[in-house]
């Protein structure tokens, strides 16, 4: 099979099967590294992105004044930077991009730890729990967003939250349907910036097991 034909088949599968079912589209670390070096992710430091980060920080500190946070797909650490005034007791950011993590570590946040890992396979140390487990614009890179959320629900402490942010683009509706089939939404927030870009941020309160599981 030619490379062009294989690419066309993957594209059709994505459009006709994966996207309607609410499945994500993984990308390797090398892709993110190139995008960081090329400047694509510099936008995360701009005013356009600040309303989303400010809202996430507010929701996290509502869950705990000095929270323990697991940030999955943390990138260059912008959320930790915005939340720094709250002085989290524990901040663990996880990302598969070495370049993104290098930038996160240059922020000099003494409360924050950043670890390299793919959240589809990486897990926290056994027994560790967090006040907030955050997927900030990252679930679209998971093959199965619902299964990925399910895998981290046990790491939310009693009374803690799962916090998911997703930009209104691509198959965002299908991904939300897939996630909320397992977890009820306890708070839904819509954030828009001056350019009209819109994000949905939803707070999920995990029970002992998500709906639809044994």
C-alpha atoms as a PDB file:
ATOM      1  CA  UNK A   1       0.000   0.000   0.000  1.00  0.00           C
ATOM      2  CA  UNK A   2       1.413   3.379  -0.965  1.00  0.00           C
ATOM      3  CA  UNK A   3       2.050   6.020   1.688  1.00  0.00           C
ATOM      4  CA  UNK A   4      -0.481   8.349   0.045  1.00  0.00           C
ATOM      5  CA  UNK A   5      -3.196   5.689   0.060  1.00  0.00           C
ATOM      6  CA  UNK A   6      -2.464   4.780   3.684  1.00  0.00           C
ATOM      7  CA  UNK A   7      -2.720   8.445   4.662  1.00  0.00           C
ATOM      8  CA  UNK A   8      -6.040   8.780   2.806  1.00  0.00           C
ATOM      9  CA  UNK A   9      -7.435   5.712   4.595  1.00  0.00           C
ATOM     10  CA  UNK A  10      -6.388   7.112   7.978  1.00  0.00           C
ATOM     11  CA  UNK A  11      -8.036  10.418   7.143  1.00  0.00           C
ATOM     12  CA  UNK A  12     -11.305   8.748   6.140  1.00  0.00           C
ATOM     13  CA  UNK A  13     -11.294   6.587   9.258  1.00  0.00           C
ATOM     14  CA  UNK A  14     -10.789   9.682  11.349  1.00  0.00           C
ATOM     15  CA  UNK A  15     -13.597  11.617   9.659  1.00  0.00           C
ATOM     16  CA  UNK A  16     -16.131   8.795   9.333  1.00  0.00           C
ATOM     17  CA  UNK A  17     -15.444   6.635  12.388  1.00  0.00           C
ATOM     18  CA  UNK A  18     -13.220   8.094  15.099  1.00  0.00           C
ATOM     19  CA  UNK A  19     -14.440  11.714  15.187  1.00  0.00           C
ATOM     20  CA  UNK A  20     -18.196  10.957  15.313  1.00  0.00           C
ATOM     21  CA  UNK A  21     -17.580   8.487  18.142  1.00  0.00           C
ATOM     22  CA  UNK A  22     -15.743  11.090  20.200  1.00  0.00           C
ATOM     23  CA  UNK A  23     -12.273   9.595  19.837  1.00  0.00           C
ATOM     24  CA  UNK A  24      -9.167  11.767  19.927  1.00  0.00           C
ATOM     25  CA  UNK A  25      -6.126  12.076  17.735  1.00  0.00           C
ATOM     26  CA  UNK A  26      -2.769  11.348  19.406  1.00  0.00           C
ATOM     27  CA  UNK A  27       0.420  13.064  18.289  1.00  0.00           C
ATOM     28  CA  UNK A  28       4.007  12.020  19.080  1.00  0.00           C
ATOM     29  CA  UNK A  29       6.314  14.053  21.283  1.00  0.00           C
ATOM     30  CA  UNK A  30       8.453  15.062  18.294  1.00  0.00           C
ATOM     31  CA  UNK A  31       5.483  16.906  16.757  1.00  0.00           C
ATOM     32  CA  UNK A  32       4.937  18.996  19.887  1.00  0.00           C
ATOM     33  CA  UNK A  33       8.657  19.669  20.214  1.00  0.00           C
ATOM     34  CA  UNK A  34       8.775  21.039  16.678  1.00  0.00           C
ATOM     35  CA  UNK A  35       5.687  23.167  17.323  1.00  0.00           C
ATOM     36  CA  UNK A  36       7.198  24.660  20.479  1.00  0.00           C
ATOM     37  CA  UNK A  37      10.426  25.492  18.697  1.00  0.00           C
ATOM     38  CA  UNK A  38       8.465  26.910  15.754  1.00  0.00           C
ATOM     39  CA  UNK A  39       6.482  29.219  18.028  1.00  0.00           C
ATOM     40  CA  UNK A  40       3.033  27.666  17.641  1.00  0.00           C
ATOM     41  CA  UNK A  41       2.466  27.393  21.389  1.00  0.00           C
ATOM     42  CA  UNK A  42       3.690  30.904  22.213  1.00  0.00           C
ATOM     43  CA  UNK A  43       0.026  31.889  22.064  1.00  0.00           C
ATOM     44  CA  UNK A  44      -0.489  30.290  25.488  1.00  0.00           C
ATOM     45  CA  UNK A  45       1.249  33.289  27.039  1.00  0.00           C
ATOM     46  CA  UNK A  46      -1.001  35.844  25.320  1.00  0.00           C
ATOM     47  CA  UNK A  47      -4.001  37.799  26.628  1.00  0.00           C
ATOM     48  CA  UNK A  48      -6.239  35.754  24.317  1.00  0.00           C
ATOM     49  CA  UNK A  49      -5.632  32.674  26.458  1.00  0.00           C
ATOM     50  CA  UNK A  50      -5.727  34.364  29.861  1.00  0.00           C
ATOM     51  CA  UNK A  51      -9.520  34.192  30.467  1.00  0.00           C
ATOM     52  CA  UNK A  52      -9.398  30.393  30.194  1.00  0.00           C
ATOM     53  CA  UNK A  53      -6.453  30.024  32.537  1.00  0.00           C
ATOM     54  CA  UNK A  54      -7.919  32.482  35.027  1.00  0.00           C
ATOM     55  CA  UNK A  55     -11.189  30.524  35.076  1.00  0.00           C
ATOM     56  CA  UNK A  56      -9.391  27.215  35.586  1.00  0.00           C
ATOM     57  CA  UNK A  57      -7.381  28.692  38.465  1.00  0.00           C
ATOM     58  CA  UNK A  58     -10.564  29.956  40.114  1.00  0.00           C
ATOM     59  CA  UNK A  59     -12.269  26.571  39.841  1.00  0.00           C
ATOM     60  CA  UNK A  60      -9.229  24.781  41.243  1.00  0.00           C
ATOM     61  CA  UNK A  61      -8.956  27.052  44.283  1.00  0.00           C
ATOM     62  CA  UNK A  62     -12.699  26.641  44.867  1.00  0.00           C
ATOM     63  CA  UNK A  63     -12.014  22.932  45.325  1.00  0.00           C
ATOM     64  CA  UNK A  64      -9.197  23.605  47.827  1.00  0.00           C
ATOM     65  CA  UNK A  65      -7.600  26.862  48.978  1.00  0.00           C
ATOM     66  CA  UNK A  66      -4.078  25.442  48.694  1.00  0.00           C
ATOM     67  CA  UNK A  67      -4.733  22.571  46.342  1.00  0.00           C
ATOM     68  CA  UNK A  68      -2.956  19.430  45.285  1.00  0.00           C
ATOM     69  CA  UNK A  69      -3.141  19.464  41.489  1.00  0.00           C
ATOM     70  CA  UNK A  70      -2.369  16.965  38.737  1.00  0.00           C
ATOM     71  CA  UNK A  71      -2.142  18.783  35.383  1.00  0.00           C
ATOM     72  CA  UNK A  72      -2.253  16.235  32.535  1.00  0.00           C
ATOM     73  CA  UNK A  73      -0.887  17.626  29.296  1.00  0.00           C
ATOM     74  CA  UNK A  74       0.674  20.563  31.155  1.00  0.00           C
ATOM     75  CA  UNK A  75       2.728  21.796  28.200  1.00  0.00           C
ATOM     76  CA  UNK A  76       4.978  24.724  29.119  1.00  0.00           C
ATOM     77  CA  UNK A  77       3.414  25.144  32.561  1.00  0.00           C
ATOM     78  CA  UNK A  78       1.153  28.139  31.962  1.00  0.00           C
ATOM     79  CA  UNK A  79      -1.581  26.920  34.329  1.00  0.00           C
ATOM     80  CA  UNK A  80       0.897  26.415  37.180  1.00  0.00           C
ATOM     81  CA  UNK A  81       2.203  29.920  36.520  1.00  0.00           C
ATOM     82  CA  UNK A  82      -1.280  31.454  36.735  1.00  0.00           C
ATOM     83  CA  UNK A  83      -2.077  29.507  39.909  1.00  0.00           C
ATOM     84  CA  UNK A  84       1.217  30.398  41.612  1.00  0.00           C
ATOM     85  CA  UNK A  85      -0.300  33.072  43.924  1.00  0.00           C
ATOM     86  CA  UNK A  86      -2.421  30.329  45.546  1.00  0.00           C
ATOM     87  CA  UNK A  87       0.747  28.451  46.539  1.00  0.00           C
ATOM     88  CA  UNK A  88      -0.447  24.907  45.810  1.00  0.00           C
ATOM     89  CA  UNK A  89       0.642  22.297  48.327  1.00  0.00           C
ATOM     90  CA  UNK A  90       1.436  19.957  45.453  1.00  0.00           C
ATOM     91  CA  UNK A  91       1.584  20.540  41.715  1.00  0.00           C
ATOM     92  CA  UNK A  92       2.479  17.755  39.328  1.00  0.00           C
ATOM     93  CA  UNK A  93       2.448  18.575  35.638  1.00  0.00           C
ATOM     94  CA  UNK A  94       2.796  15.745  33.111  1.00  0.00           C
ATOM     95  CA  UNK A  95       3.517  16.083  29.404  1.00  0.00           C
ATOM     96  CA  UNK A  96       5.137  13.997  26.678  1.00  0.00           C
ATOM     97  CA  UNK A  97       7.013  16.926  25.108  1.00  0.00           C
ATOM     98  CA  UNK A  98      10.568  17.378  26.435  1.00  0.00           C
ATOM     99  CA  UNK A  99      10.644  20.890  24.947  1.00  0.00           C
ATOM    100  CA  UNK A 100       7.395  21.887  26.625  1.00  0.00           C
ATOM    101  CA  UNK A 101       8.670  20.576  29.958  1.00  0.00           C
ATOM    102  CA  UNK A 102      12.007  22.352  29.529  1.00  0.00           C
ATOM    103  CA  UNK A 103      10.106  25.611  29.212  1.00  0.00           C
ATOM    104  CA  UNK A 104       7.912  24.786  32.193  1.00  0.00           C
ATOM    105  CA  UNK A 105      10.956  24.199  34.386  1.00  0.00           C
ATOM    106  CA  UNK A 106      12.466  27.572  33.430  1.00  0.00           C
ATOM    107  CA  UNK A 107       9.492  29.277  35.132  1.00  0.00           C
ATOM    108  CA  UNK A 108      11.213  28.685  38.459  1.00  0.00           C
ATOM    109  CA  UNK A 109       8.066  27.595  40.323  1.00  0.00           C
ATOM    110  CA  UNK A 110       9.399  26.035  43.507  1.00  0.00           C
ATOM    111  CA  UNK A 111       6.106  24.318  44.333  1.00  0.00           C
ATOM    112  CA  UNK A 112       5.809  22.615  40.935  1.00  0.00           C
ATOM    113  CA  UNK A 113       7.149  19.315  39.692  1.00  0.00           C
ATOM    114  CA  UNK A 114       7.080  18.447  35.992  1.00  0.00           C
ATOM    115  CA  UNK A 115       7.352  14.878  34.721  1.00  0.00           C
ATOM    116  CA  UNK A 116       7.689  13.456  31.229  1.00  0.00           C
ATOM    117  CA  UNK A 117       4.991  10.950  30.342  1.00  0.00           C
ATOM    118  CA  UNK A 118       2.104  10.068  28.051  1.00  0.00           C
ATOM    119  CA  UNK A 119      -1.102  10.303  30.086  1.00  0.00           C
ATOM    120  CA  UNK A 120      -2.548   7.334  28.206  1.00  0.00           C
ATOM    121  CA  UNK A 121      -0.002   5.098  29.939  1.00  0.00           C
ATOM    122  CA  UNK A 122       1.549   7.185  32.759  1.00  0.00           C
ATOM    123  CA  UNK A 123       0.014   6.966  36.246  1.00  0.00           C
ATOM    124  CA  UNK A 124       0.786   8.697  39.575  1.00  0.00           C
ATOM    125  CA  UNK A 125       2.370   6.776  42.432  1.00  0.00           C
ATOM    126  CA  UNK A 126      -0.032   4.313  44.012  1.00  0.00           C
ATOM    127  CA  UNK A 127      -2.107   5.861  46.765  1.00  0.00           C
ATOM    128  CA  UNK A 128      -1.498   9.487  45.759  1.00  0.00           C
ATOM    129  CA  UNK A 129      -4.600  11.658  45.408  1.00  0.00           C
ATOM    130  CA  UNK A 130      -5.269  15.214  44.285  1.00  0.00           C
ATOM    131  CA  UNK A 131      -7.849  17.929  44.931  1.00  0.00           C
ATOM    132  CA  UNK A 132      -8.045  18.568  41.183  1.00  0.00           C
ATOM    133  CA  UNK A 133      -7.091  16.426  38.213  1.00  0.00           C
ATOM    134  CA  UNK A 134      -7.002  18.722  35.185  1.00  0.00           C
ATOM    135  CA  UNK A 135      -7.209  18.033  31.452  1.00  0.00           C
ATOM    136  CA  UNK A 136      -6.630  21.484  29.992  1.00  0.00           C
ATOM    137  CA  UNK A 137      -7.069  21.295  26.206  1.00  0.00           C
ATOM    138  CA  UNK A 138      -5.394  17.892  26.193  1.00  0.00           C
ATOM    139  CA  UNK A 139      -8.099  15.213  25.933  1.00  0.00           C
ATOM    140  CA  UNK A 140      -8.385  15.637  22.180  1.00  0.00           C
ATOM    141  CA  UNK A 141      -4.988  13.950  21.950  1.00  0.00           C
ATOM    142  CA  UNK A 142      -6.207  10.825  23.772  1.00  0.00           C
ATOM    143  CA  UNK A 143      -7.292   7.880  21.667  1.00  0.00           C
ATOM    144  CA  UNK A 144     -10.280   7.380  23.940  1.00  0.00           C
ATOM    145  CA  UNK A 145     -10.936  10.475  26.079  1.00  0.00           C
ATOM    146  CA  UNK A 146     -13.499   8.743  28.298  1.00  0.00           C
ATOM    147  CA  UNK A 147     -11.163   5.847  29.120  1.00  0.00           C
ATOM    148  CA  UNK A 148      -8.388   8.318  29.881  1.00  0.00           C
ATOM    149  CA  UNK A 149     -10.591  10.236  32.319  1.00  0.00           C
ATOM    150  CA  UNK A 150     -11.705   6.939  33.872  1.00  0.00           C
ATOM    151  CA  UNK A 151      -8.082   5.942  34.475  1.00  0.00           C
ATOM    152  CA  UNK A 152      -7.430   9.042  36.585  1.00  0.00           C
ATOM    153  CA  UNK A 153     -10.702   9.195  38.533  1.00  0.00           C
ATOM    154  CA  UNK A 154      -9.247   7.003  41.341  1.00  0.00           C
ATOM    155  CA  UNK A 155      -6.570   9.642  41.906  1.00  0.00           C
ATOM    156  CA  UNK A 156      -9.125  12.315  42.854  1.00  0.00           C
ATOM    157  CA  UNK A 157      -9.469  12.623  46.622  1.00  0.00           C
ATOM    158  CA  UNK A 158     -12.972  12.417  48.189  1.00  0.00           C
ATOM    159  CA  UNK A 159     -14.627  15.764  47.509  1.00  0.00           C
ATOM    160  CA  UNK A 160     -12.130  16.589  44.770  1.00  0.00           C
ATOM    161  CA  UNK A 161     -12.832  17.328  41.118  1.00  0.00           C
ATOM    162  CA  UNK A 162     -12.007  16.355  37.577  1.00  0.00           C
ATOM    163  CA  UNK A 163     -11.661  19.522  35.528  1.00  0.00           C
ATOM    164  CA  UNK A 164     -11.820  19.446  31.731  1.00  0.00           C
ATOM    165  CA  UNK A 165     -11.359  22.346  29.318  1.00  0.00           C
ATOM    166  CA  UNK A 166     -12.058  21.944  25.612  1.00  0.00           C
ATOM    167  CA  UNK A 167     -12.035  24.450  22.760  1.00  0.00           C
ATOM    168  CA  UNK A 168     -15.079  24.532  20.514  1.00  0.00           C
ATOM    169  CA  UNK A 169     -13.506  23.071  17.410  1.00  0.00           C
ATOM    170  CA  UNK A 170     -13.427  19.797  15.499  1.00  0.00           C
ATOM    171  CA  UNK A 171     -15.383  16.998  17.154  1.00  0.00           C
ATOM    172  CA  UNK A 172     -15.681  18.762  20.520  1.00  0.00           C
ATOM    173  CA  UNK A 173     -19.385  17.934  20.876  1.00  0.00           C
ATOM    174  CA  UNK A 174     -18.780  14.210  20.361  1.00  0.00           C
ATOM    175  CA  UNK A 175     -15.932  14.194  22.879  1.00  0.00           C
ATOM    176  CA  UNK A 176     -18.094  15.911  25.486  1.00  0.00           C
ATOM    177  CA  UNK A 177     -20.887  13.391  24.882  1.00  0.00           C
ATOM    178  CA  UNK A 178     -18.421  10.555  25.396  1.00  0.00           C
ATOM    179  CA  UNK A 179     -17.088  11.963  28.660  1.00  0.00           C
ATOM    180  CA  UNK A 180     -20.426  12.965  30.173  1.00  0.00           C
ATOM    181  CA  UNK A 181     -21.882   9.547  29.410  1.00  0.00           C
ATOM    182  CA  UNK A 182     -19.718   8.414  32.322  1.00  0.00           C
ATOM    183  CA  UNK A 183     -19.579  11.490  34.546  1.00  0.00           C
ATOM    184  CA  UNK A 184     -22.311  13.967  35.439  1.00  0.00           C
ATOM    185  CA  UNK A 185     -21.362  17.622  35.122  1.00  0.00           C
ATOM    186  CA  UNK A 186     -21.642  19.488  38.407  1.00  0.00           C
ATOM    187  CA  UNK A 187     -20.622  22.842  36.951  1.00  0.00           C
ATOM    188  CA  UNK A 188     -20.433  24.038  33.357  1.00  0.00           C
ATOM    189  CA  UNK A 189     -18.617  27.241  32.478  1.00  0.00           C
ATOM    190  CA  UNK A 190     -18.298  28.884  29.068  1.00  0.00           C
ATOM    191  CA  UNK A 191     -15.296  31.144  28.532  1.00  0.00           C
ATOM    192  CA  UNK A 192     -14.871  33.481  25.569  1.00  0.00           C
ATOM    193  CA  UNK A 193     -12.107  35.956  24.821  1.00  0.00           C
ATOM    194  CA  UNK A 194     -12.163  39.288  22.994  1.00  0.00           C
ATOM    195  CA  UNK A 195     -11.679  37.516  19.661  1.00  0.00           C
ATOM    196  CA  UNK A 196     -14.777  35.355  20.174  1.00  0.00           C
ATOM    197  CA  UNK A 197     -12.836  32.140  20.754  1.00  0.00           C
ATOM    198  CA  UNK A 198     -14.860  29.897  23.054  1.00  0.00           C
ATOM    199  CA  UNK A 199     -14.022  27.136  25.525  1.00  0.00           C
ATOM    200  CA  UNK A 200     -16.210  24.874  27.606  1.00  0.00           C
ATOM    201  CA  UNK A 201     -14.856  24.146  31.078  1.00  0.00           C
ATOM    202  CA  UNK A 202     -16.700  21.475  33.009  1.00  0.00           C
ATOM    203  CA  UNK A 203     -16.283  20.310  36.561  1.00  0.00           C
ATOM    204  CA  UNK A 204     -16.933  16.608  37.071  1.00  0.00           C
ATOM    205  CA  UNK A 205     -17.293  15.035  40.486  1.00  0.00           C
ATOM    206  CA  UNK A 206     -16.218  11.390  40.243  1.00  0.00           C
ATOM    207  CA  UNK A 207     -18.046   8.805  42.296  1.00  0.00           C
ATOM    208  CA  UNK A 208     -16.487   5.498  43.312  1.00  0.00           C
ATOM    209  CA  UNK A 209     -16.941   4.317  39.727  1.00  0.00           C
ATOM    210  CA  UNK A 210     -18.066   6.203  36.600  1.00  0.00           C
ATOM    211  CA  UNK A 211     -21.493   5.560  35.213  1.00  0.00           C
ATOM    212  CA  UNK A 212     -21.663   2.610  32.848  1.00  0.00           C
ATOM    213  CA  UNK A 213     -18.812   0.688  34.472  1.00  0.00           C
ATOM    214  CA  UNK A 214     -19.125  -2.492  36.574  1.00  0.00           C
END
